[in-house]
Amino acid sequence: MNISFAIKLTLVLFCNTALMTLAVEILTFDNYYGNGGMIGTESMVFILNAFVPPLAWLINPWYIFKN
């Protein structure tokens, strides 16, 4: 059950970060490398997604607020 949830969560996070940014930056603005372009934006999104979710699981603000 946990593996199934992890796979679904990974696919949804990938679609949310990569494909939505691809649709907005390339199809709407046609900006690949410029200031605020897709390459720089995706790099920062992937770096933040590597560090923020584990910290949110480790430091759970809703659990701290509840207690």
PDB file of N, CA and C in Angstrom:
ATOM      1  N   MET A   1       0.812  -1.185   0.000  1.00  0.00           N
ATOM      2  CA  MET A   1       0.000   0.000   0.000  1.00  0.00           C
ATOM      3  C   MET A   1       0.868   1.266   0.000  1.00  0.00           C
ATOM      4  N   ASN A   2       1.917   1.277   0.789  1.00  0.00           N
ATOM      5  CA  ASN A   2       2.794   2.442   0.835  1.00  0.00           C
ATOM      6  C   ASN A   2       3.549   2.633  -0.472  1.00  0.00           C
ATOM      7  N   ILE A   3       3.955   1.541  -1.096  1.00  0.00           N
ATOM      8  CA  ILE A   3       4.659   1.635  -2.370  1.00  0.00           C
ATOM      9  C   ILE A   3       3.726   2.201  -3.434  1.00  0.00           C
ATOM     10  N   SER A   4       2.500   1.759  -3.449  1.00  0.00           N
ATOM     11  CA  SER A   4       1.526   2.263  -4.409  1.00  0.00           C
ATOM     12  C   SER A   4       1.305   3.762  -4.215  1.00  0.00           C
ATOM     13  N   PHE A   5       1.185   4.193  -2.975  1.00  0.00           N
ATOM     14  CA  PHE A   5       1.016   5.615  -2.686  1.00  0.00           C
ATOM     15  C   PHE A   5       2.237   6.416  -3.111  1.00  0.00           C
ATOM     16  N   ALA A   6       3.421   5.892  -2.865  1.00  0.00           N
ATOM     17  CA  ALA A   6       4.655   6.591  -3.224  1.00  0.00           C
ATOM     18  C   ALA A   6       4.790   6.738  -4.738  1.00  0.00           C
ATOM     19  N   ILE A   7       4.430   5.715  -5.481  1.00  0.00           N
ATOM     20  CA  ILE A   7       4.509   5.784  -6.941  1.00  0.00           C
ATOM     21  C   ILE A   7       3.521   6.814  -7.480  1.00  0.00           C
ATOM     22  N   LYS A   8       2.298   6.795  -6.967  1.00  0.00           N
ATOM     23  CA  LYS A   8       1.297   7.766  -7.417  1.00  0.00           C
ATOM     24  C   LYS A   8       1.702   9.182  -7.052  1.00  0.00           C
ATOM     25  N   LEU A   9       2.231   9.377  -5.861  1.00  0.00           N
ATOM     26  CA  LEU A   9       2.675  10.699  -5.440  1.00  0.00           C
ATOM     27  C   LEU A   9       3.823  11.200  -6.308  1.00  0.00           C
ATOM     28  N   THR A  10       4.748  10.324  -6.656  1.00  0.00           N
ATOM     29  CA  THR A  10       5.864  10.695  -7.512  1.00  0.00           C
ATOM     30  C   THR A  10       5.382  11.111  -8.894  1.00  0.00           C
ATOM     31  N   LEU A  11       4.471  10.362  -9.464  1.00  0.00           N
ATOM     32  CA  LEU A  11       3.941  10.707 -10.788  1.00  0.00           C
ATOM     33  C   LEU A  11       3.192  12.031 -10.770  1.00  0.00           C
ATOM     34  N   VAL A  12       2.408  12.256  -9.749  1.00  0.00           N
ATOM     35  CA  VAL A  12       1.650  13.508  -9.669  1.00  0.00           C
ATOM     36  C   VAL A  12       2.582  14.693  -9.438  1.00  0.00           C
ATOM     37  N   LEU A  13       3.579  14.547  -8.586  1.00  0.00           N
ATOM     38  CA  LEU A  13       4.529  15.634  -8.369  1.00  0.00           C
ATOM     39  C   LEU A  13       5.315  15.950  -9.640  1.00  0.00           C
ATOM     40  N   PHE A  14       5.689  14.914 -10.389  1.00  0.00           N
ATOM     41  CA  PHE A  14       6.395  15.141 -11.640  1.00  0.00           C
ATOM     42  C   PHE A  14       5.511  15.886 -12.630  1.00  0.00           C
ATOM     43  N   CYS A  15       4.270  15.453 -12.770  1.00  0.00           N
ATOM     44  CA  CYS A  15       3.351  16.132 -13.696  1.00  0.00           C
ATOM     45  C   CYS A  15       3.110  17.567 -13.268  1.00  0.00           C
ATOM     46  N   ASN A  16       2.993  17.779 -11.980  1.00  0.00           N
ATOM     47  CA  ASN A  16       2.736  19.122 -11.487  1.00  0.00           C
ATOM     48  C   ASN A  16       3.919  20.049 -11.717  1.00  0.00           C
ATOM     49  N   THR A  17       5.117  19.579 -11.446  1.00  0.00           N
ATOM     50  CA  THR A  17       6.278  20.464 -11.558  1.00  0.00           C
ATOM     51  C   THR A  17       6.801  20.558 -12.980  1.00  0.00           C
ATOM     52  N   ALA A  18       7.024  19.454 -13.616  1.00  0.00           N
ATOM     53  CA  ALA A  18       7.679  19.470 -14.920  1.00  0.00           C
ATOM     54  C   ALA A  18       6.729  19.824 -16.055  1.00  0.00           C
ATOM     55  N   LEU A  19       5.629  19.137 -16.128  1.00  0.00           N
ATOM     56  CA  LEU A  19       4.757  19.323 -17.286  1.00  0.00           C
ATOM     57  C   LEU A  19       3.992  20.645 -17.249  1.00  0.00           C
ATOM     58  N   MET A  20       3.576  21.079 -16.081  1.00  0.00           N
ATOM     59  CA  MET A  20       2.873  22.355 -15.997  1.00  0.00           C
ATOM     60  C   MET A  20       3.811  23.528 -16.284  1.00  0.00           C
ATOM     61  N   THR A  21       5.029  23.471 -15.785  1.00  0.00           N
ATOM     62  CA  THR A  21       5.995  24.518 -16.086  1.00  0.00           C
ATOM     63  C   THR A  21       6.349  24.498 -17.563  1.00  0.00           C
ATOM     64  N   LEU A  22       6.479  23.326 -18.130  1.00  0.00           N
ATOM     65  CA  LEU A  22       6.729  23.207 -19.565  1.00  0.00           C
ATOM     66  C   LEU A  22       5.603  23.855 -20.357  1.00  0.00           C
ATOM     67  N   ALA A  23       4.370  23.593 -19.990  1.00  0.00           N
ATOM     68  CA  ALA A  23       3.232  24.156 -20.712  1.00  0.00           C
ATOM     69  C   ALA A  23       3.198  25.673 -20.594  1.00  0.00           C
ATOM     70  N   VAL A  24       3.450  26.191 -19.420  1.00  0.00           N
ATOM     71  CA  VAL A  24       3.373  27.640 -19.224  1.00  0.00           C
ATOM     72  C   VAL A  24       4.529  28.347 -19.906  1.00  0.00           C
ATOM     73  N   GLU A  25       5.747  27.912 -19.662  1.00  0.00           N
ATOM     74  CA  GLU A  25       6.913  28.631 -20.162  1.00  0.00           C
ATOM     75  C   GLU A  25       7.097  28.507 -21.671  1.00  0.00           C
ATOM     76  N   ILE A  26       6.925  27.329 -22.213  1.00  0.00           N
ATOM     77  CA  ILE A  26       7.224  27.134 -23.627  1.00  0.00           C
ATOM     78  C   ILE A  26       6.021  27.464 -24.500  1.00  0.00           C
ATOM     79  N   LEU A  27       4.866  26.965 -24.159  1.00  0.00           N
ATOM     80  CA  LEU A  27       3.713  27.184 -25.015  1.00  0.00           C
ATOM     81  C   LEU A  27       3.176  28.605 -24.921  1.00  0.00           C
ATOM     82  N   THR A  28       3.267  29.214 -23.747  1.00  0.00           N
ATOM     83  CA  THR A  28       2.725  30.562 -23.583  1.00  0.00           C
ATOM     84  C   THR A  28       3.741  31.643 -23.890  1.00  0.00           C
ATOM     85  N   PHE A  29       4.932  31.546 -23.289  1.00  0.00           N
ATOM     86  CA  PHE A  29       5.913  32.621 -23.411  1.00  0.00           C
ATOM     87  C   PHE A  29       7.020  32.337 -24.413  1.00  0.00           C
ATOM     88  N   ASP A  30       7.177  31.099 -24.842  1.00  0.00           N
ATOM     89  CA  ASP A  30       8.249  30.691 -25.761  1.00  0.00           C
ATOM     90  C   ASP A  30       9.622  31.131 -25.245  1.00  0.00           C
ATOM     91  N   ASN A  31       9.867  30.862 -23.965  1.00  0.00           N
ATOM     92  CA  ASN A  31      11.087  31.293 -23.303  1.00  0.00           C
ATOM     93  C   ASN A  31      11.816  30.065 -22.761  1.00  0.00           C
ATOM     94  N   TYR A  32      12.930  29.708 -23.404  1.00  0.00           N
ATOM     95  CA  TYR A  32      13.704  28.543 -22.973  1.00  0.00           C
ATOM     96  C   TYR A  32      14.828  28.923 -22.021  1.00  0.00           C
ATOM     97  N   TYR A  33      15.711  29.817 -22.447  1.00  0.00           N
ATOM     98  CA  TYR A  33      16.940  30.098 -21.719  1.00  0.00           C
ATOM     99  C   TYR A  33      17.010  31.499 -21.145  1.00  0.00           C
ATOM    100  N   GLY A  34      16.120  32.382 -21.510  1.00  0.00           N
ATOM    101  CA  GLY A  34      16.212  33.783 -21.105  1.00  0.00           C
ATOM    102  C   GLY A  34      15.996  33.979 -19.620  1.00  0.00           C
ATOM    103  N   ASN A  35      15.875  35.255 -19.248  1.00  0.00           N
ATOM    104  CA  ASN A  35      15.657  35.603 -17.848  1.00  0.00           C
ATOM    105  C   ASN A  35      14.302  35.036 -17.403  1.00  0.00           C
ATOM    106  N   GLY A  36      14.308  34.163 -16.419  1.00  0.00           N
ATOM    107  CA  GLY A  36      13.091  33.517 -15.961  1.00  0.00           C
ATOM    108  C   GLY A  36      12.599  32.444 -16.908  1.00  0.00           C
ATOM    109  N   GLY A  37      13.495  31.883 -17.706  1.00  0.00           N
ATOM    110  CA  GLY A  37      13.121  30.873 -18.685  1.00  0.00           C
ATOM    111  C   GLY A  37      12.888  29.511 -18.065  1.00  0.00           C
ATOM    112  N   MET A  38      12.534  28.575 -18.910  1.00  0.00           N
ATOM    113  CA  MET A  38      12.161  27.254 -18.437  1.00  0.00           C
ATOM    114  C   MET A  38      13.314  26.499 -17.792  1.00  0.00           C
ATOM    115  N   ILE A  39      14.506  26.581 -18.352  1.00  0.00           N
ATOM    116  CA  ILE A  39      15.641  25.815 -17.835  1.00  0.00           C
ATOM    117  C   ILE A  39      15.986  26.242 -16.408  1.00  0.00           C
ATOM    118  N   GLY A  40      16.101  27.533 -16.172  1.00  0.00           N
ATOM    119  CA  GLY A  40      16.406  28.027 -14.825  1.00  0.00           C
ATOM    120  C   GLY A  40      15.297  27.766 -13.840  1.00  0.00           C
ATOM    121  N   THR A  41      14.056  27.928 -14.289  1.00  0.00           N
ATOM    122  CA  THR A  41      12.913  27.705 -13.419  1.00  0.00           C
ATOM    123  C   THR A  41      12.817  26.241 -13.006  1.00  0.00           C
ATOM    124  N   GLU A  42      12.969  25.345 -13.951  1.00  0.00           N
ATOM    125  CA  GLU A  42      12.892  23.908 -13.640  1.00  0.00           C
ATOM    126  C   GLU A  42      14.021  23.480 -12.716  1.00  0.00           C
ATOM    127  N   SER A  43      15.204  24.033 -12.905  1.00  0.00           N
ATOM    128  CA  SER A  43      16.317  23.677 -12.024  1.00  0.00           C
ATOM    129  C   SER A  43      16.011  24.047 -10.579  1.00  0.00           C
ATOM    130  N   MET A  44      15.497  25.247 -10.366  1.00  0.00           N
ATOM    131  CA  MET A  44      15.168  25.671  -9.006  1.00  0.00           C
ATOM    132  C   MET A  44      14.006  24.868  -8.419  1.00  0.00           C
ATOM    133  N   VAL A  45      13.038  24.536  -9.239  1.00  0.00           N
ATOM    134  CA  VAL A  45      11.899  23.745  -8.760  1.00  0.00           C
ATOM    135  C   VAL A  45      12.360  22.354  -8.330  1.00  0.00           C
ATOM    136  N   PHE A  46      13.214  21.720  -9.121  1.00  0.00           N
ATOM    137  CA  PHE A  46      13.692  20.381  -8.769  1.00  0.00           C
ATOM    138  C   PHE A  46      14.572  20.402  -7.523  1.00  0.00           C
ATOM    139  N   ILE A  47      15.383  21.440  -7.372  1.00  0.00           N
ATOM    140  CA  ILE A  47      16.219  21.549  -6.175  1.00  0.00           C
ATOM    141  C   ILE A  47      15.349  21.754  -4.937  1.00  0.00           C
ATOM    142  N   LEU A  48      14.362  22.644  -5.034  1.00  0.00           N
ATOM    143  CA  LEU A  48      13.476  22.868  -3.893  1.00  0.00           C
ATOM    144  C   LEU A  48      12.641  21.636  -3.571  1.00  0.00           C
ATOM    145  N   ASN A  49      12.205  20.908  -4.589  1.00  0.00           N
ATOM    146  CA  ASN A  49      11.424  19.691  -4.344  1.00  0.00           C
ATOM    147  C   ASN A  49      12.264  18.583  -3.718  1.00  0.00           C
ATOM    148  N   ALA A  50      13.569  18.677  -3.823  1.00  0.00           N
ATOM    149  CA  ALA A  50      14.429  17.680  -3.193  1.00  0.00           C
ATOM    150  C   ALA A  50      14.569  17.931  -1.691  1.00  0.00           C
ATOM    151  N   PHE A  51      14.430  19.189  -1.255  1.00  0.00           N
ATOM    152  CA  PHE A  51      14.688  19.513   0.146  1.00  0.00           C
ATOM    153  C   PHE A  51      13.447  19.879   0.953  1.00  0.00           C
ATOM    154  N   VAL A  52      12.474  20.528   0.361  1.00  0.00           N
ATOM    155  CA  VAL A  52      11.328  21.016   1.123  1.00  0.00           C
ATOM    156  C   VAL A  52      10.386  19.893   1.584  1.00  0.00           C
ATOM    157  N   PRO A  53       9.968  18.945   0.731  1.00  0.00           N
ATOM    158  CA  PRO A  53       9.059  17.900   1.232  1.00  0.00           C
ATOM    159  C   PRO A  53       9.621  17.059   2.380  1.00  0.00           C
ATOM    160  N   PRO A  54      10.904  16.648   2.336  1.00  0.00           N
ATOM    161  CA  PRO A  54      11.404  15.913   3.511  1.00  0.00           C
ATOM    162  C   PRO A  54      11.401  16.757   4.778  1.00  0.00           C
ATOM    163  N   LEU A  55      11.684  18.051   4.640  1.00  0.00           N
ATOM    164  CA  LEU A  55      11.630  18.915   5.818  1.00  0.00           C
ATOM    165  C   LEU A  55      10.201  19.075   6.322  1.00  0.00           C
ATOM    166  N   ALA A  56       9.249  19.138   5.409  1.00  0.00           N
ATOM    167  CA  ALA A  56       7.849  19.250   5.823  1.00  0.00           C
ATOM    168  C   ALA A  56       7.381  17.977   6.523  1.00  0.00           C
ATOM    169  N   TRP A  57       7.890  16.827   6.114  1.00  0.00           N
ATOM    170  CA  TRP A  57       7.537  15.582   6.800  1.00  0.00           C
ATOM    171  C   TRP A  57       8.239  15.488   8.152  1.00  0.00           C
ATOM    172  N   LEU A  58       9.463  16.001   8.216  1.00  0.00           N
ATOM    173  CA  LEU A  58      10.220  15.946   9.461  1.00  0.00           C
ATOM    174  C   LEU A  58       9.692  16.959  10.476  1.00  0.00           C
ATOM    175  N   ILE A  59       9.510  18.192  10.038  1.00  0.00           N
ATOM    176  CA  ILE A  59       8.993  19.257  10.893  1.00  0.00           C
ATOM    177  C   ILE A  59       7.550  19.491  10.473  1.00  0.00           C
ATOM    178  N   ASN A  60       6.643  18.742  11.040  1.00  0.00           N
ATOM    179  CA  ASN A  60       5.242  18.803  10.670  1.00  0.00           C
ATOM    180  C   ASN A  60       4.563  19.944  11.424  1.00  0.00           C
ATOM    181  N   PRO A  61       4.299  21.082  10.767  1.00  0.00           N
ATOM    182  CA  PRO A  61       3.737  22.225  11.498  1.00  0.00           C
ATOM    183  C   PRO A  61       2.331  21.971  12.025  1.00  0.00           C
ATOM    184  N   TRP A  62       1.532  21.166  11.327  1.00  0.00           N
ATOM    185  CA  TRP A  62       0.169  20.917  11.796  1.00  0.00           C
ATOM    186  C   TRP A  62       0.182  20.059  13.054  1.00  0.00           C
ATOM    187  N   TYR A  63       1.095  19.129  13.145  1.00  0.00           N
ATOM    188  CA  TYR A  63       1.214  18.306  14.347  1.00  0.00           C
ATOM    189  C   TYR A  63       1.692  19.148  15.534  1.00  0.00           C
ATOM    190  N   ILE A  64       2.647  20.040  15.272  1.00  0.00           N
ATOM    191  CA  ILE A  64       3.159  20.911  16.333  1.00  0.00           C
ATOM    192  C   ILE A  64       2.051  21.853  16.803  1.00  0.00           C
ATOM    193  N   PHE A  65       1.280  22.391  15.850  1.00  0.00           N
ATOM    194  CA  PHE A  65       0.188  23.302  16.205  1.00  0.00           C
ATOM    195  C   PHE A  65      -0.900  22.590  17.008  1.00  0.00           C
ATOM    196  N   LYS A  66      -1.176  21.330  16.633  1.00  0.00           N
ATOM    197  CA  LYS A  66      -2.203  20.560  17.333  1.00  0.00           C
ATOM    198  C   LYS A  66      -1.807  20.268  18.767  1.00  0.00           C
ATOM    199  N   ASN A  67      -0.527  19.984  18.992  1.00  0.00           N
ATOM    200  CA  ASN A  67      -0.070  19.659  20.345  1.00  0.00           C
ATOM    201  C   ASN A  67       0.238  20.922  21.118  1.00  0.00           C
TER     202      ASN A  67
END
